Amino acid sequence: MKALAVIAIGAAEAATLDVTVRDPGSAPVADAIVYSIQKSGARPERAPRGASIAQKDKQFAPPVTVVQAGTSVQFPNRDPFRHHVYSFSPTKIFEIKLYAGTPADPVVFDKPGEVVLGCNIHDSMVGYIYVVDTPFFAKTDAQGRARIEGLPPGDFDVMVWHPAQAAAIPAHPISAKGEESIPFGATITLRPAPRPPG
């Protein structure tokens, strides 16, 4: 499986990973999670940053979110009616019972893996959180592009994930040396979207 990506050098000998993710027909794939697991070299300490996933127009916004393990996530309700957010995923089981506004306490996602979100009131609402055990991650935009900045010199495995991927994508090893570009990529085959009822 192949795709396009380039590593460019940033400040202080840190590399930047520029990624383009496409499907087998070369169409860009949005909402793909790309992350780099460091295997060697000095490991910078980066504390997790907070995140927010709103409920708006009976949808999770954004529908796909990537966070570092240990991140606190808020779930503000921006609809004029109440929601009941939950997950039964083994990575994080939780529920925020029927509420309006923003709950006082965020939810901490403390271990890596996939979390599927739902709403007990609105069955059509589905969202995804992908928790990674690294500070080096990004999500592709509508053009299938993403950028990970600040890779220190060392060896990494680059991983790609999408909630609709048909099969797992193998890790791709790279070495960041601070002053060279490294071609990389992966193509994702997505499962067909479900047909609407009727």
C-alpha atoms as a PDB file:
ATOM      1  CA  MET A   1       0.000   0.000   0.000  1.00  0.00           C
ATOM      2  CA  LYS A   2       1.437   3.365  -0.998  1.00  0.00           C
ATOM      3  CA  ALA A   3       0.699   7.064  -0.658  1.00  0.00           C
ATOM      4  CA  LEU A   4       2.551  10.338  -0.792  1.00  0.00           C
ATOM      5  CA  ALA A   5       4.276  12.112   2.059  1.00  0.00           C
ATOM      6  CA  VAL A   6       7.322  14.258   2.515  1.00  0.00           C
ATOM      7  CA  ILE A   7       9.325  15.088   5.596  1.00  0.00           C
ATOM      8  CA  ALA A   8      10.785  18.586   5.595  1.00  0.00           C
ATOM      9  CA  ILE A   9      13.097  20.072   8.161  1.00  0.00           C
ATOM     10  CA  GLY A  10      11.786  22.561  10.705  1.00  0.00           C
ATOM     11  CA  ALA A  11      13.449  24.675  13.366  1.00  0.00           C
ATOM     12  CA  ALA A  12      16.009  23.268  15.805  1.00  0.00           C
ATOM     13  CA  GLU A  13      16.753  20.241  13.588  1.00  0.00           C
ATOM     14  CA  ALA A  14      13.186  18.988  13.938  1.00  0.00           C
ATOM     15  CA  ALA A  15      11.483  17.394  10.953  1.00  0.00           C
ATOM     16  CA  THR A  16       8.021  18.065   9.564  1.00  0.00           C
ATOM     17  CA  LEU A  17       6.000  15.181   8.151  1.00  0.00           C
ATOM     18  CA  ASP A  18       3.724  16.304   5.308  1.00  0.00           C
ATOM     19  CA  VAL A  19       1.271  13.580   4.355  1.00  0.00           C
ATOM     20  CA  THR A  20      -1.218  13.019   1.559  1.00  0.00           C
ATOM     21  CA  VAL A  21      -3.660  10.127   2.029  1.00  0.00           C
ATOM     22  CA  ARG A  22      -5.633   8.777  -0.934  1.00  0.00           C
ATOM     23  CA  ASP A  23      -7.928   5.880  -1.777  1.00  0.00           C
ATOM     24  CA  PRO A  24      -7.082   3.302  -4.488  1.00  0.00           C
ATOM     25  CA  GLY A  25      -8.668   5.585  -7.105  1.00  0.00           C
ATOM     26  CA  SER A  26      -6.349   8.463  -6.064  1.00  0.00           C
ATOM     27  CA  ALA A  27      -9.183  10.467  -4.462  1.00  0.00           C
ATOM     28  CA  PRO A  28      -8.163  12.316  -1.270  1.00  0.00           C
ATOM     29  CA  VAL A  29      -9.255  10.781   2.033  1.00  0.00           C
ATOM     30  CA  ALA A  30     -10.369  13.223   4.747  1.00  0.00           C
ATOM     31  CA  ASP A  31     -10.411  12.450   8.477  1.00  0.00           C
ATOM     32  CA  ALA A  32      -7.548   9.939   8.311  1.00  0.00           C
ATOM     33  CA  ILE A  33      -5.432   9.892  11.464  1.00  0.00           C
ATOM     34  CA  VAL A  34      -1.664   9.880  10.922  1.00  0.00           C
ATOM     35  CA  TYR A  35       0.731   9.454  13.847  1.00  0.00           C
ATOM     36  CA  SER A  36       4.400   8.672  14.448  1.00  0.00           C
ATOM     37  CA  ILE A  37       5.607   6.367  17.226  1.00  0.00           C
ATOM     38  CA  GLN A  38       9.205   7.145  18.222  1.00  0.00           C
ATOM     39  CA  LYS A  39      11.506   4.106  18.476  1.00  0.00           C
ATOM     40  CA  SER A  40      14.885   5.792  19.058  1.00  0.00           C
ATOM     41  CA  GLY A  41      16.421   9.182  19.755  1.00  0.00           C
ATOM     42  CA  ALA A  42      15.789  11.771  22.479  1.00  0.00           C
ATOM     43  CA  ARG A  43      12.087  11.802  23.401  1.00  0.00           C
ATOM     44  CA  PRO A  44      10.636  15.268  23.995  1.00  0.00           C
ATOM     45  CA  GLU A  45       8.098  15.621  26.779  1.00  0.00           C
ATOM     46  CA  ARG A  46       4.807  17.080  25.572  1.00  0.00           C
ATOM     47  CA  ALA A  47       1.832  17.316  27.898  1.00  0.00           C
ATOM     48  CA  PRO A  48      -1.544  16.454  26.330  1.00  0.00           C
ATOM     49  CA  ARG A  49      -3.639  19.435  25.266  1.00  0.00           C
ATOM     50  CA  GLY A  50      -7.361  19.611  25.899  1.00  0.00           C
ATOM     51  CA  ALA A  51      -9.903  18.960  23.141  1.00  0.00           C
ATOM     52  CA  SER A  52     -13.581  19.665  22.500  1.00  0.00           C
ATOM     53  CA  ILE A  53     -16.242  17.698  20.609  1.00  0.00           C
ATOM     54  CA  ALA A  54     -19.516  19.557  20.282  1.00  0.00           C
ATOM     55  CA  GLN A  55     -23.000  18.318  19.532  1.00  0.00           C
ATOM     56  CA  LYS A  56     -24.527  20.540  16.853  1.00  0.00           C
ATOM     57  CA  ASP A  57     -27.445  19.821  14.510  1.00  0.00           C
ATOM     58  CA  LYS A  58     -27.634  16.261  15.896  1.00  0.00           C
ATOM     59  CA  GLN A  59     -24.028  15.556  14.905  1.00  0.00           C
ATOM     60  CA  PHE A  60     -20.678  15.296  16.648  1.00  0.00           C
ATOM     61  CA  ALA A  61     -18.428  18.161  15.548  1.00  0.00           C
ATOM     62  CA  PRO A  62     -15.845  17.217  14.524  1.00  0.00           C
ATOM     63  CA  PRO A  63     -16.993  13.681  13.619  1.00  0.00           C
ATOM     64  CA  VAL A  64     -13.421  12.317  13.985  1.00  0.00           C
ATOM     65  CA  THR A  65     -10.950  13.527  16.618  1.00  0.00           C
ATOM     66  CA  VAL A  66      -7.398  12.432  17.474  1.00  0.00           C
ATOM     67  CA  VAL A  67      -5.911  13.067  20.933  1.00  0.00           C
ATOM     68  CA  GLN A  68      -2.828  12.073  22.880  1.00  0.00           C
ATOM     69  CA  ALA A  69      -3.384   9.613  25.742  1.00  0.00           C
ATOM     70  CA  GLY A  70      -4.152  11.578  28.906  1.00  0.00           C
ATOM     71  CA  THR A  71      -6.157  14.283  27.109  1.00  0.00           C
ATOM     72  CA  SER A  72      -9.238  15.816  28.744  1.00  0.00           C
ATOM     73  CA  VAL A  73     -12.131  16.227  26.288  1.00  0.00           C
ATOM     74  CA  GLN A  74     -15.149  18.507  26.754  1.00  0.00           C
ATOM     75  CA  PHE A  75     -18.510  17.693  25.140  1.00  0.00           C
ATOM     76  CA  PRO A  76     -20.420  20.995  24.811  1.00  0.00           C
ATOM     77  CA  ASN A  77     -24.038  20.683  23.679  1.00  0.00           C
ATOM     78  CA  ARG A  78     -24.762  23.481  21.187  1.00  0.00           C
ATOM     79  CA  ASP A  79     -28.218  22.218  20.233  1.00  0.00           C
ATOM     80  CA  PRO A  80     -31.420  23.672  21.743  1.00  0.00           C
ATOM     81  CA  PHE A  81     -32.283  20.234  23.150  1.00  0.00           C
ATOM     82  CA  ARG A  82     -30.521  17.757  25.404  1.00  0.00           C
ATOM     83  CA  HIS A  83     -28.100  14.961  24.464  1.00  0.00           C
ATOM     84  CA  HIS A  84     -26.867  11.841  26.275  1.00  0.00           C
ATOM     85  CA  VAL A  85     -23.305  11.075  25.112  1.00  0.00           C
ATOM     86  CA  TYR A  86     -21.806   7.641  25.739  1.00  0.00           C
ATOM     87  CA  SER A  87     -19.241   5.072  24.619  1.00  0.00           C
ATOM     88  CA  PHE A  88     -19.119   1.325  25.190  1.00  0.00           C
ATOM     89  CA  SER A  89     -15.695   1.012  23.532  1.00  0.00           C
ATOM     90  CA  PRO A  90     -13.149  -0.912  25.664  1.00  0.00           C
ATOM     91  CA  THR A  91     -10.653   1.949  25.238  1.00  0.00           C
ATOM     92  CA  LYS A  92     -12.980   4.251  27.228  1.00  0.00           C
ATOM     93  CA  ILE A  93     -16.390   3.383  28.640  1.00  0.00           C
ATOM     94  CA  PHE A  94     -18.303   6.458  29.845  1.00  0.00           C
ATOM     95  CA  GLU A  95     -21.599   8.283  29.674  1.00  0.00           C
ATOM     96  CA  ILE A  96     -22.731  11.855  30.178  1.00  0.00           C
ATOM     97  CA  LYS A  97     -26.399  11.576  30.999  1.00  0.00           C
ATOM     98  CA  LEU A  98     -29.065  13.818  29.484  1.00  0.00           C
ATOM     99  CA  TYR A  99     -27.680  17.365  29.568  1.00  0.00           C
ATOM    100  CA  ALA A 100     -27.652  20.848  28.051  1.00  0.00           C
ATOM    101  CA  GLY A 101     -24.725  23.262  27.879  1.00  0.00           C
ATOM    102  CA  THR A 102     -21.228  22.064  28.804  1.00  0.00           C
ATOM    103  CA  PRO A 103     -20.698  19.423  31.517  1.00  0.00           C
ATOM    104  CA  ALA A 104     -18.616  20.599  34.465  1.00  0.00           C
ATOM    105  CA  ASP A 105     -16.147  17.724  34.198  1.00  0.00           C
ATOM    106  CA  PRO A 106     -14.350  16.747  30.988  1.00  0.00           C
ATOM    107  CA  VAL A 107     -13.715  13.091  30.115  1.00  0.00           C
ATOM    108  CA  VAL A 108     -10.070  11.944  30.297  1.00  0.00           C
ATOM    109  CA  PHE A 109      -8.996   9.479  27.598  1.00  0.00           C
ATOM    110  CA  ASP A 110      -6.069   7.725  29.254  1.00  0.00           C
ATOM    111  CA  LYS A 111      -5.202   4.771  27.018  1.00  0.00           C
ATOM    112  CA  PRO A 112      -4.661   4.374  23.274  1.00  0.00           C
ATOM    113  CA  GLY A 113      -7.248   2.950  20.904  1.00  0.00           C
ATOM    114  CA  GLU A 114     -10.519   3.649  19.116  1.00  0.00           C
ATOM    115  CA  VAL A 115     -13.534   5.132  20.886  1.00  0.00           C
ATOM    116  CA  VAL A 116     -16.946   5.162  19.178  1.00  0.00           C
ATOM    117  CA  LEU A 117     -19.324   7.856  20.430  1.00  0.00           C
ATOM    118  CA  GLY A 118     -23.108   7.709  20.414  1.00  0.00           C
ATOM    119  CA  CYS A 119     -26.139   9.533  21.788  1.00  0.00           C
ATOM    120  CA  ASN A 120     -28.865   7.625  23.648  1.00  0.00           C
ATOM    121  CA  ILE A 121     -31.465  10.124  22.412  1.00  0.00           C
ATOM    122  CA  HIS A 122     -30.431  10.393  18.753  1.00  0.00           C
ATOM    123  CA  ASP A 123     -29.419   7.007  17.311  1.00  0.00           C
ATOM    124  CA  SER A 124     -28.093   8.518  14.068  1.00  0.00           C
ATOM    125  CA  MET A 125     -25.329  10.373  15.928  1.00  0.00           C
ATOM    126  CA  VAL A 126     -21.949   8.625  15.628  1.00  0.00           C
ATOM    127  CA  GLY A 127     -18.502  10.074  16.307  1.00  0.00           C
ATOM    128  CA  TYR A 128     -14.977   8.728  16.724  1.00  0.00           C
ATOM    129  CA  ILE A 129     -12.038   9.517  18.957  1.00  0.00           C
ATOM    130  CA  TYR A 130      -8.692   7.896  18.193  1.00  0.00           C
ATOM    131  CA  VAL A 131      -6.323   8.005  21.172  1.00  0.00           C
ATOM    132  CA  VAL A 132      -2.602   7.726  20.388  1.00  0.00           C
ATOM    133  CA  ASP A 133       0.350   7.157  22.722  1.00  0.00           C
ATOM    134  CA  THR A 134       2.517   9.847  21.100  1.00  0.00           C
ATOM    135  CA  PRO A 135       2.577  13.647  20.796  1.00  0.00           C
ATOM    136  CA  PHE A 136       3.198  13.378  17.032  1.00  0.00           C
ATOM    137  CA  PHE A 137      -0.184  13.169  15.273  1.00  0.00           C
ATOM    138  CA  ALA A 138      -2.490  14.926  12.818  1.00  0.00           C
ATOM    139  CA  LYS A 139      -5.747  14.467  10.883  1.00  0.00           C
ATOM    140  CA  THR A 140      -6.134  14.857   7.129  1.00  0.00           C
ATOM    141  CA  ASP A 141      -8.228  17.684   5.714  1.00  0.00           C
ATOM    142  CA  ALA A 142     -10.640  17.596   2.752  1.00  0.00           C
ATOM    143  CA  GLN A 143      -7.643  17.386   0.378  1.00  0.00           C
ATOM    144  CA  GLY A 144      -6.317  14.346   2.234  1.00  0.00           C
ATOM    145  CA  ARG A 145      -3.388  16.310   3.654  1.00  0.00           C
ATOM    146  CA  ALA A 146      -1.943  16.474   7.149  1.00  0.00           C
ATOM    147  CA  ARG A 147       1.213  17.812   8.788  1.00  0.00           C
ATOM    148  CA  ILE A 148       3.093  16.608  11.854  1.00  0.00           C
ATOM    149  CA  GLU A 149       5.695  19.100  13.069  1.00  0.00           C
ATOM    150  CA  GLY A 150       8.593  18.820  15.485  1.00  0.00           C
ATOM    151  CA  LEU A 151       9.877  15.284  14.872  1.00  0.00           C
ATOM    152  CA  PRO A 152      13.276  15.046  16.596  1.00  0.00           C
ATOM    153  CA  PRO A 153      16.122  13.035  15.034  1.00  0.00           C
ATOM    154  CA  GLY A 154      15.469   9.314  15.476  1.00  0.00           C
ATOM    155  CA  ASP A 155      13.579   6.316  14.161  1.00  0.00           C
ATOM    156  CA  PHE A 156       9.775   6.241  13.946  1.00  0.00           C
ATOM    157  CA  ASP A 157       6.920   4.022  12.845  1.00  0.00           C
ATOM    158  CA  VAL A 158       4.301   6.010  10.912  1.00  0.00           C
ATOM    159  CA  MET A 159       0.738   4.733  11.340  1.00  0.00           C
ATOM    160  CA  VAL A 160      -2.481   5.601   9.479  1.00  0.00           C
ATOM    161  CA  TRP A 161      -6.033   4.940  10.702  1.00  0.00           C
ATOM    162  CA  HIS A 162      -9.516   5.800   9.470  1.00  0.00           C
ATOM    163  CA  PRO A 163     -12.872   4.795  11.033  1.00  0.00           C
ATOM    164  CA  ALA A 164     -14.074   3.350   7.698  1.00  0.00           C
ATOM    165  CA  GLN A 165     -10.874   1.541   6.672  1.00  0.00           C
ATOM    166  CA  ALA A 166     -11.457  -1.915   5.239  1.00  0.00           C
ATOM    167  CA  ALA A 167      -8.233  -3.350   6.726  1.00  0.00           C
ATOM    168  CA  ALA A 168      -5.445  -2.314   9.056  1.00  0.00           C
ATOM    169  CA  ILE A 169      -2.549  -0.461   7.436  1.00  0.00           C
ATOM    170  CA  PRO A 170       0.957  -1.759   8.262  1.00  0.00           C
ATOM    171  CA  ALA A 171       3.358   0.520  10.117  1.00  0.00           C
ATOM    172  CA  HIS A 172       5.921   2.240   7.907  1.00  0.00           C
ATOM    173  CA  PRO A 173       9.397   2.838   9.397  1.00  0.00           C
ATOM    174  CA  ILE A 174      11.156   6.163   8.791  1.00  0.00           C
ATOM    175  CA  SER A 175      14.285   7.846  10.115  1.00  0.00           C
ATOM    176  CA  ALA A 176      14.266  11.589  10.835  1.00  0.00           C
ATOM    177  CA  LYS A 177      17.793  12.968  10.612  1.00  0.00           C
ATOM    178  CA  GLY A 178      17.050  16.655  10.729  1.00  0.00           C
ATOM    179  CA  GLU A 179      18.172  17.675   7.263  1.00  0.00           C
ATOM    180  CA  GLU A 180      16.689  15.340   4.676  1.00  0.00           C
ATOM    181  CA  SER A 181      13.327  14.741   3.072  1.00  0.00           C
ATOM    182  CA  ILE A 182      11.838  11.267   3.397  1.00  0.00           C
ATOM    183  CA  PRO A 183       9.150  10.050   0.964  1.00  0.00           C
ATOM    184  CA  PHE A 184       6.374   8.077   2.658  1.00  0.00           C
ATOM    185  CA  GLY A 185       2.797   7.065   2.114  1.00  0.00           C
ATOM    186  CA  ALA A 186      -0.213   4.802   2.432  1.00  0.00           C
ATOM    187  CA  THR A 187      -3.374   4.235   0.426  1.00  0.00           C
ATOM    188  CA  ILE A 188      -6.567   3.495   2.371  1.00  0.00           C
ATOM    189  CA  THR A 189      -9.357   1.290   1.060  1.00  0.00           C
ATOM    190  CA  LEU A 190     -12.598   2.424   2.690  1.00  0.00           C
ATOM    191  CA  ARG A 191     -15.673   0.315   3.300  1.00  0.00           C
ATOM    192  CA  PRO A 192     -18.701   1.407   1.237  1.00  0.00           C
ATOM    193  CA  ALA A 193     -20.953   3.862   3.024  1.00  0.00           C
ATOM    194  CA  PRO A 194     -24.129   2.213   4.342  1.00  0.00           C
ATOM    195  CA  ARG A 195     -27.257   2.770   2.252  1.00  0.00           C
ATOM    196  CA  PRO A 196     -29.948   4.915   3.811  1.00  0.00           C
ATOM    197  CA  PRO A 197     -33.021   2.958   4.939  1.00  0.00           C
ATOM    198  CA  GLY A 198     -35.953   2.694   2.558  1.00  0.00           C
END
